[in-house]
Amino acid sequence: MLNIAVFVSGGGTNLQSLIDAQDRGEIKNGKITFVLASNENAYALERAKKAGIESTVVNRKAYDTKADYDKAVLEALDGKNIDLIVLAGFLSILGEDLVNEYKNRIINIHPSLIPLFCGDGFYGKKVHTAVLNSGMKVTGATAHFVNEITDGGAIILQKAVPVEQGDNEDILQYRVMRQAEWEILPKAVSLFCEGRIKINGNKTEII
C-alpha cells in the first residue's frame, strides 16, 4: 500500500474527488496519508480534517525562493514515507530539489489538453479565459507527471470536454472539473499505485 501526499492551495475539490474515490475503493494499492497546503486559508484543510487525514501548512509567502520553499516542504515530508505526491490545485511551482527528490513520483492535474494552454502563467480560471478567447470548441484536462518544465512532464491521462455557446470562465471551469478532472485524477493515481504506468522518455504507456 503506497502512501500518498496531496498538495493543495484552495477549495480542495480535486482532493475531495480523491477522497471520494478512495472511499469507493477506486484507488487500488494507495492511501492518502498526508495533505500539505500552501496557505492556511485553504478550505481543502477542512476536507482533510473531515476525512481524518493528517495535514500541515507550509506557507509559500513565508519563503523568498523556490529553493527555500522546497527545503521547507521536504522537511514537512520527512519521516512520512511518501511514495507519491499529487498536486491537486496546488498553485506554487515546485523547484528543482523537490522535483528531483520525487522524480516520476509527482502527478499534477491541469485544466486543459496539454500542450495547449499550459506552462507559466496558465493556471485556474486564466486557462479557461484563454480557451474561450481562442474560440476553441473543445477543451479538457490532463493528468501528467511533473518535471522541471511547468506542465511539461509525461502525460498519463487526458479527457476532452466540449466548450458550449454561452460559456463563461466559471461555467467552463466547473464543467472541466466535473467531467474531466474529478474523473481522470483518481484514475491516474490508481494506475500509479498499481504500478501500471511505464515512462518512456516523455511518453507513458499504461500496462
C-alpha atoms as a PDB file:
ATOM      1  CA  MET A   1       0.000   0.000   0.000  1.00  0.00           C
ATOM      2  CA  LEU A   2       1.573   3.264  -1.163  1.00  0.00           C
ATOM      3  CA  ASN A   3       1.380   6.450   0.905  1.00  0.00           C
ATOM      4  CA  ILE A   4       0.018   9.458  -0.985  1.00  0.00           C
ATOM      5  CA  ALA A   5       0.554  13.128  -0.092  1.00  0.00           C
ATOM      6  CA  VAL A   6      -1.838  15.621  -1.695  1.00  0.00           C
ATOM      7  CA  PHE A   7      -0.702  19.240  -2.110  1.00  0.00           C
ATOM      8  CA  VAL A   8      -3.442  21.906  -2.160  1.00  0.00           C
ATOM      9  CA  SER A   9      -3.886  25.684  -2.294  1.00  0.00           C
ATOM     10  CA  GLY A  10      -7.621  26.394  -2.367  1.00  0.00           C
ATOM     11  CA  GLY A  11     -11.041  24.820  -2.093  1.00  0.00           C
ATOM     12  CA  GLY A  12      -9.825  21.268  -2.476  1.00  0.00           C
ATOM     13  CA  THR A  13     -12.405  19.913  -4.921  1.00  0.00           C
ATOM     14  CA  ASN A  14      -9.803  17.667  -6.528  1.00  0.00           C
ATOM     15  CA  LEU A  15      -8.720  16.495  -3.080  1.00  0.00           C
ATOM     16  CA  GLN A  16     -12.359  15.665  -2.380  1.00  0.00           C
ATOM     17  CA  SER A  17     -12.588  13.693  -5.630  1.00  0.00           C
ATOM     18  CA  LEU A  18      -9.577  11.654  -4.486  1.00  0.00           C
ATOM     19  CA  ILE A  19     -11.038  11.095  -1.001  1.00  0.00           C
ATOM     20  CA  ASP A  20     -14.377  10.030  -2.532  1.00  0.00           C
ATOM     21  CA  ALA A  21     -12.652   7.670  -4.986  1.00  0.00           C
ATOM     22  CA  GLN A  22     -10.634   6.199  -2.127  1.00  0.00           C
ATOM     23  CA  ASP A  23     -13.820   5.656  -0.096  1.00  0.00           C
ATOM     24  CA  ARG A  24     -15.343   3.850  -3.088  1.00  0.00           C
ATOM     25  CA  GLY A  25     -12.308   1.573  -3.316  1.00  0.00           C
ATOM     26  CA  GLU A  26     -11.226   3.012  -6.652  1.00  0.00           C
ATOM     27  CA  ILE A  27      -7.651   3.896  -5.640  1.00  0.00           C
ATOM     28  CA  LYS A  28      -6.056   0.473  -5.558  1.00  0.00           C
ATOM     29  CA  ASN A  29      -2.893  -0.129  -3.521  1.00  0.00           C
ATOM     30  CA  GLY A  30      -2.740   3.507  -2.352  1.00  0.00           C
ATOM     31  CA  LYS A  31      -3.951   5.621   0.545  1.00  0.00           C
ATOM     32  CA  ILE A  32      -3.956   9.389   1.165  1.00  0.00           C
ATOM     33  CA  THR A  33      -1.964   9.779   4.369  1.00  0.00           C
ATOM     34  CA  PHE A  34      -0.945  13.452   4.281  1.00  0.00           C
ATOM     35  CA  VAL A  35      -2.213  16.801   2.953  1.00  0.00           C
ATOM     36  CA  LEU A  36       0.040  19.864   2.575  1.00  0.00           C
ATOM     37  CA  ALA A  37      -1.399  23.332   1.924  1.00  0.00           C
ATOM     38  CA  SER A  38       0.483  26.366   0.607  1.00  0.00           C
ATOM     39  CA  ASN A  39      -1.657  28.709   2.728  1.00  0.00           C
ATOM     40  CA  GLU A  40      -3.567  28.425   5.989  1.00  0.00           C
ATOM     41  CA  ASN A  41      -6.870  29.606   4.471  1.00  0.00           C
ATOM     42  CA  ALA A  42      -7.221  26.703   2.033  1.00  0.00           C
ATOM     43  CA  TYR A  43     -10.638  25.091   2.565  1.00  0.00           C
ATOM     44  CA  ALA A  44      -9.007  21.845   1.480  1.00  0.00           C
ATOM     45  CA  LEU A  45      -7.615  21.636   5.039  1.00  0.00           C
ATOM     46  CA  GLU A  46     -11.194  21.280   6.300  1.00  0.00           C
ATOM     47  CA  ARG A  47     -11.800  18.469   3.830  1.00  0.00           C
ATOM     48  CA  ALA A  48      -8.678  16.684   5.095  1.00  0.00           C
ATOM     49  CA  LYS A  49      -9.782  17.151   8.705  1.00  0.00           C
ATOM     50  CA  LYS A  50     -13.258  15.715   7.989  1.00  0.00           C
ATOM     51  CA  ALA A  51     -11.639  12.705   6.323  1.00  0.00           C
ATOM     52  CA  GLY A  52      -9.269  12.180   9.255  1.00  0.00           C
ATOM     53  CA  ILE A  53      -6.163  12.857   7.177  1.00  0.00           C
ATOM     54  CA  GLU A  54      -3.105  14.471   8.768  1.00  0.00           C
ATOM     55  CA  SER A  55      -2.347  17.900   7.303  1.00  0.00           C
ATOM     56  CA  THR A  56       0.061  20.788   7.597  1.00  0.00           C
ATOM     57  CA  VAL A  57       0.616  24.268   6.142  1.00  0.00           C
ATOM     58  CA  VAL A  58       3.870  25.385   4.533  1.00  0.00           C
ATOM     59  CA  ASN A  59       3.049  28.954   3.552  1.00  0.00           C
ATOM     60  CA  ARG A  60       4.613  29.905   0.225  1.00  0.00           C
ATOM     61  CA  LYS A  61       4.632  33.608   1.118  1.00  0.00           C
ATOM     62  CA  ALA A  62       6.939  32.905   4.060  1.00  0.00           C
ATOM     63  CA  TYR A  63       9.812  31.921   1.730  1.00  0.00           C
ATOM     64  CA  ASP A  64      11.740  34.132  -0.671  1.00  0.00           C
ATOM     65  CA  THR A  65      12.865  31.480  -3.158  1.00  0.00           C
ATOM     66  CA  LYS A  66      11.684  28.204  -4.658  1.00  0.00           C
ATOM     67  CA  ALA A  67      14.730  26.519  -3.136  1.00  0.00           C
ATOM     68  CA  ASP A  68      13.862  27.709   0.374  1.00  0.00           C
ATOM     69  CA  TYR A  69      10.257  26.622  -0.065  1.00  0.00           C
ATOM     70  CA  ASP A  70      11.334  23.225  -1.418  1.00  0.00           C
ATOM     71  CA  LYS A  71      13.533  22.718   1.618  1.00  0.00           C
ATOM     72  CA  ALA A  72      10.629  23.502   3.977  1.00  0.00           C
ATOM     73  CA  VAL A  73       8.291  21.160   2.068  1.00  0.00           C
ATOM     74  CA  LEU A  74      10.866  18.358   2.109  1.00  0.00           C
ATOM     75  CA  GLU A  75      11.249  18.839   5.860  1.00  0.00           C
ATOM     76  CA  ALA A  76       7.451  18.574   6.257  1.00  0.00           C
ATOM     77  CA  LEU A  77       7.507  15.302   4.288  1.00  0.00           C
ATOM     78  CA  ASP A  78      10.438  13.881   6.240  1.00  0.00           C
ATOM     79  CA  GLY A  79       9.526  10.666   8.022  1.00  0.00           C
ATOM     80  CA  LYS A  80       6.114  10.381   6.303  1.00  0.00           C
ATOM     81  CA  ASN A  81       7.295   7.633   3.895  1.00  0.00           C
ATOM     82  CA  ILE A  82       5.509   9.294   0.988  1.00  0.00           C
ATOM     83  CA  ASP A  83       5.550   7.283  -2.255  1.00  0.00           C
ATOM     84  CA  LEU A  84       3.539   9.680  -4.432  1.00  0.00           C
ATOM     85  CA  ILE A  85       2.809  13.419  -4.371  1.00  0.00           C
ATOM     86  CA  VAL A  86      -0.379  14.614  -6.064  1.00  0.00           C
ATOM     87  CA  LEU A  87      -0.730  18.312  -6.930  1.00  0.00           C
ATOM     88  CA  ALA A  88      -4.473  18.946  -6.676  1.00  0.00           C
ATOM     89  CA  GLY A  89      -4.961  22.640  -7.392  1.00  0.00           C
ATOM     90  CA  PHE A  90      -1.551  23.468  -5.924  1.00  0.00           C
ATOM     91  CA  LEU A  91      -0.641  26.940  -7.206  1.00  0.00           C
ATOM     92  CA  SER A  92       3.024  27.061  -6.192  1.00  0.00           C
ATOM     93  CA  ILE A  93       5.564  25.968  -8.800  1.00  0.00           C
ATOM     94  CA  LEU A  94       7.886  23.350  -7.337  1.00  0.00           C
ATOM     95  CA  GLY A  95      11.637  23.849  -7.540  1.00  0.00           C
ATOM     96  CA  GLU A  96      14.344  21.544  -8.821  1.00  0.00           C
ATOM     97  CA  ASP A  97      15.221  19.982  -5.456  1.00  0.00           C
ATOM     98  CA  LEU A  98      11.728  18.661  -4.761  1.00  0.00           C
ATOM     99  CA  VAL A  99      11.153  17.523  -8.354  1.00  0.00           C
ATOM    100  CA  ASN A 100      14.443  15.610  -8.334  1.00  0.00           C
ATOM    101  CA  GLU A 101      13.811  14.086  -4.905  1.00  0.00           C
ATOM    102  CA  TYR A 102      10.463  12.712  -6.124  1.00  0.00           C
ATOM    103  CA  LYS A 103      11.371  12.149  -9.788  1.00  0.00           C
ATOM    104  CA  ASN A 104       8.491  10.465 -11.646  1.00  0.00           C
ATOM    105  CA  ARG A 105       6.567  10.377  -8.373  1.00  0.00           C
ATOM    106  CA  ILE A 106       4.662  13.680  -8.640  1.00  0.00           C
ATOM    107  CA  ILE A 107       1.354  13.848 -10.542  1.00  0.00           C
ATOM    108  CA  ASN A 108      -0.413  17.104 -11.433  1.00  0.00           C
ATOM    109  CA  ILE A 109      -3.878  17.796 -12.814  1.00  0.00           C
ATOM    110  CA  HIS A 110      -4.058  20.644 -15.352  1.00  0.00           C
ATOM    111  CA  PRO A 111      -7.338  22.099 -16.697  1.00  0.00           C
ATOM    112  CA  SER A 112      -6.554  21.939 -20.411  1.00  0.00           C
ATOM    113  CA  LEU A 113      -5.469  19.455 -23.047  1.00  0.00           C
ATOM    114  CA  ILE A 114      -1.688  19.820 -22.786  1.00  0.00           C
ATOM    115  CA  PRO A 115       0.273  21.036 -24.784  1.00  0.00           C
ATOM    116  CA  LEU A 116      -2.446  23.680 -25.302  1.00  0.00           C
ATOM    117  CA  PHE A 117      -2.964  26.466 -22.728  1.00  0.00           C
ATOM    118  CA  CYS A 118      -0.259  25.356 -20.311  1.00  0.00           C
ATOM    119  CA  GLY A 119       3.070  26.460 -18.880  1.00  0.00           C
ATOM    120  CA  ASP A 120       3.986  29.527 -16.824  1.00  0.00           C
ATOM    121  CA  GLY A 121       1.026  31.820 -16.184  1.00  0.00           C
ATOM    122  CA  PHE A 122      -1.644  29.298 -17.175  1.00  0.00           C
ATOM    123  CA  TYR A 123      -3.479  28.278 -14.011  1.00  0.00           C
ATOM    124  CA  GLY A 124      -7.008  28.357 -12.592  1.00  0.00           C
ATOM    125  CA  LYS A 125      -9.512  30.499 -14.470  1.00  0.00           C
ATOM    126  CA  LYS A 126      -6.752  32.029 -16.612  1.00  0.00           C
ATOM    127  CA  VAL A 127      -6.687  28.755 -18.562  1.00  0.00           C
ATOM    128  CA  HIS A 128     -10.430  28.857 -19.222  1.00  0.00           C
ATOM    129  CA  THR A 129     -10.314  32.541 -20.195  1.00  0.00           C
ATOM    130  CA  ALA A 130      -7.635  31.735 -22.771  1.00  0.00           C
ATOM    131  CA  VAL A 131      -9.670  28.800 -24.115  1.00  0.00           C
ATOM    132  CA  LEU A 132     -12.787  30.967 -24.501  1.00  0.00           C
ATOM    133  CA  ASN A 133     -10.821  33.773 -26.162  1.00  0.00           C
ATOM    134  CA  SER A 134      -9.291  31.309 -28.630  1.00  0.00           C
ATOM    135  CA  GLY A 135     -12.652  30.192 -29.993  1.00  0.00           C
ATOM    136  CA  MET A 136     -11.803  26.514 -29.385  1.00  0.00           C
ATOM    137  CA  LYS A 137     -14.820  24.190 -29.350  1.00  0.00           C
ATOM    138  CA  VAL A 138     -13.131  21.545 -27.188  1.00  0.00           C
ATOM    139  CA  THR A 139     -11.042  21.742 -24.029  1.00  0.00           C
ATOM    140  CA  GLY A 140     -10.443  19.265 -21.220  1.00  0.00           C
ATOM    141  CA  ALA A 141      -7.992  18.202 -18.523  1.00  0.00           C
ATOM    142  CA  THR A 142      -4.652  16.401 -18.321  1.00  0.00           C
ATOM    143  CA  ALA A 143      -3.124  14.281 -15.568  1.00  0.00           C
ATOM    144  CA  HIS A 144       0.644  14.288 -16.020  1.00  0.00           C
ATOM    145  CA  PHE A 145       3.928  13.734 -14.250  1.00  0.00           C
ATOM    146  CA  VAL A 146       5.795  16.801 -13.019  1.00  0.00           C
ATOM    147  CA  ASN A 147       9.280  17.612 -14.228  1.00  0.00           C
ATOM    148  CA  GLU A 148      11.432  20.763 -14.215  1.00  0.00           C
ATOM    149  CA  ILE A 149       9.323  22.346 -17.008  1.00  0.00           C
ATOM    150  CA  THR A 150       5.957  23.814 -15.956  1.00  0.00           C
ATOM    151  CA  ASP A 151       3.257  21.403 -17.220  1.00  0.00           C
ATOM    152  CA  GLY A 152       5.969  19.678 -19.250  1.00  0.00           C
ATOM    153  CA  GLY A 153       6.045  16.161 -17.786  1.00  0.00           C
ATOM    154  CA  ALA A 154       4.848  12.952 -19.405  1.00  0.00           C
ATOM    155  CA  ILE A 155       1.071  12.802 -19.946  1.00  0.00           C
ATOM    156  CA  ILE A 156      -0.765   9.977 -18.158  1.00  0.00           C
ATOM    157  CA  LEU A 157      -4.438  10.565 -18.994  1.00  0.00           C
ATOM    158  CA  GLN A 158      -6.494  13.190 -20.824  1.00  0.00           C
ATOM    159  CA  LYS A 159     -10.205  13.751 -21.278  1.00  0.00           C
ATOM    160  CA  ALA A 160     -11.899  16.170 -23.658  1.00  0.00           C
ATOM    161  CA  VAL A 161     -14.816  18.401 -22.644  1.00  0.00           C
ATOM    162  CA  PRO A 162     -16.960  20.498 -25.014  1.00  0.00           C
ATOM    163  CA  VAL A 163     -16.924  24.291 -24.928  1.00  0.00           C
ATOM    164  CA  GLU A 164     -20.566  25.342 -25.245  1.00  0.00           C
ATOM    165  CA  GLN A 165     -22.203  28.509 -26.509  1.00  0.00           C
ATOM    166  CA  GLY A 166     -22.764  30.979 -23.684  1.00  0.00           C
ATOM    167  CA  ASP A 167     -19.966  29.602 -21.515  1.00  0.00           C
ATOM    168  CA  ASN A 168     -18.063  31.927 -19.212  1.00  0.00           C
ATOM    169  CA  GLU A 169     -14.971  31.080 -17.152  1.00  0.00           C
ATOM    170  CA  ASP A 170     -16.971  29.834 -14.151  1.00  0.00           C
ATOM    171  CA  ILE A 171     -19.290  27.590 -16.158  1.00  0.00           C
ATOM    172  CA  LEU A 172     -16.435  26.126 -18.197  1.00  0.00           C
ATOM    173  CA  GLN A 173     -14.230  25.634 -15.147  1.00  0.00           C
ATOM    174  CA  TYR A 174     -16.953  23.657 -13.378  1.00  0.00           C
ATOM    175  CA  ARG A 175     -17.691  21.505 -16.452  1.00  0.00           C
ATOM    176  CA  VAL A 176     -13.996  20.664 -16.879  1.00  0.00           C
ATOM    177  CA  MET A 177     -13.698  19.759 -13.201  1.00  0.00           C
ATOM    178  CA  ARG A 178     -16.865  17.671 -13.110  1.00  0.00           C
ATOM    179  CA  GLN A 179     -16.479  15.897 -16.445  1.00  0.00           C
ATOM    180  CA  ALA A 180     -12.700  15.526 -16.608  1.00  0.00           C
ATOM    181  CA  GLU A 181     -10.532  16.453 -13.612  1.00  0.00           C
ATOM    182  CA  TRP A 182     -12.523  14.594 -10.955  1.00  0.00           C
ATOM    183  CA  GLU A 183     -12.568  11.517 -13.173  1.00  0.00           C
ATOM    184  CA  ILE A 184      -9.037  11.214 -14.543  1.00  0.00           C
ATOM    185  CA  LEU A 185      -7.031  12.327 -11.497  1.00  0.00           C
ATOM    186  CA  PRO A 186      -8.169   9.417  -9.259  1.00  0.00           C
ATOM    187  CA  LYS A 187      -7.671   7.036 -12.214  1.00  0.00           C
ATOM    188  CA  ALA A 188      -4.109   8.276 -12.795  1.00  0.00           C
ATOM    189  CA  VAL A 189      -3.307   7.960  -9.076  1.00  0.00           C
ATOM    190  CA  SER A 190      -4.651   4.404  -9.009  1.00  0.00           C
ATOM    191  CA  LEU A 191      -2.677   3.447 -12.122  1.00  0.00           C
ATOM    192  CA  PHE A 192       0.498   4.725 -10.447  1.00  0.00           C
ATOM    193  CA  CYS A 193      -0.192   2.891  -7.190  1.00  0.00           C
ATOM    194  CA  GLU A 194      -0.889  -0.322  -9.111  1.00  0.00           C
ATOM    195  CA  GLY A 195       2.473   0.029 -10.901  1.00  0.00           C
ATOM    196  CA  ARG A 196       0.747   0.217 -14.289  1.00  0.00           C
ATOM    197  CA  ILE A 197       2.456   3.326 -15.711  1.00  0.00           C
ATOM    198  CA  LYS A 198       5.646   2.866 -17.712  1.00  0.00           C
ATOM    199  CA  ILE A 199       7.560   6.010 -18.692  1.00  0.00           C
ATOM    200  CA  ASN A 200       9.459   6.072 -21.982  1.00  0.00           C
ATOM    201  CA  GLY A 201      11.189   9.444 -22.326  1.00  0.00           C
ATOM    202  CA  ASN A 202       8.361  11.962 -22.230  1.00  0.00           C
ATOM    203  CA  LYS A 203       5.635   9.451 -23.041  1.00  0.00           C
ATOM    204  CA  THR A 204       3.763   7.000 -20.863  1.00  0.00           C
ATOM    205  CA  GLU A 205       2.469   3.523 -21.537  1.00  0.00           C
ATOM    206  CA  ILE A 206      -0.379   2.084 -19.473  1.00  0.00           C
ATOM    207  CA  ILE A 207       0.402  -1.550 -18.728  1.00  0.00           C
END
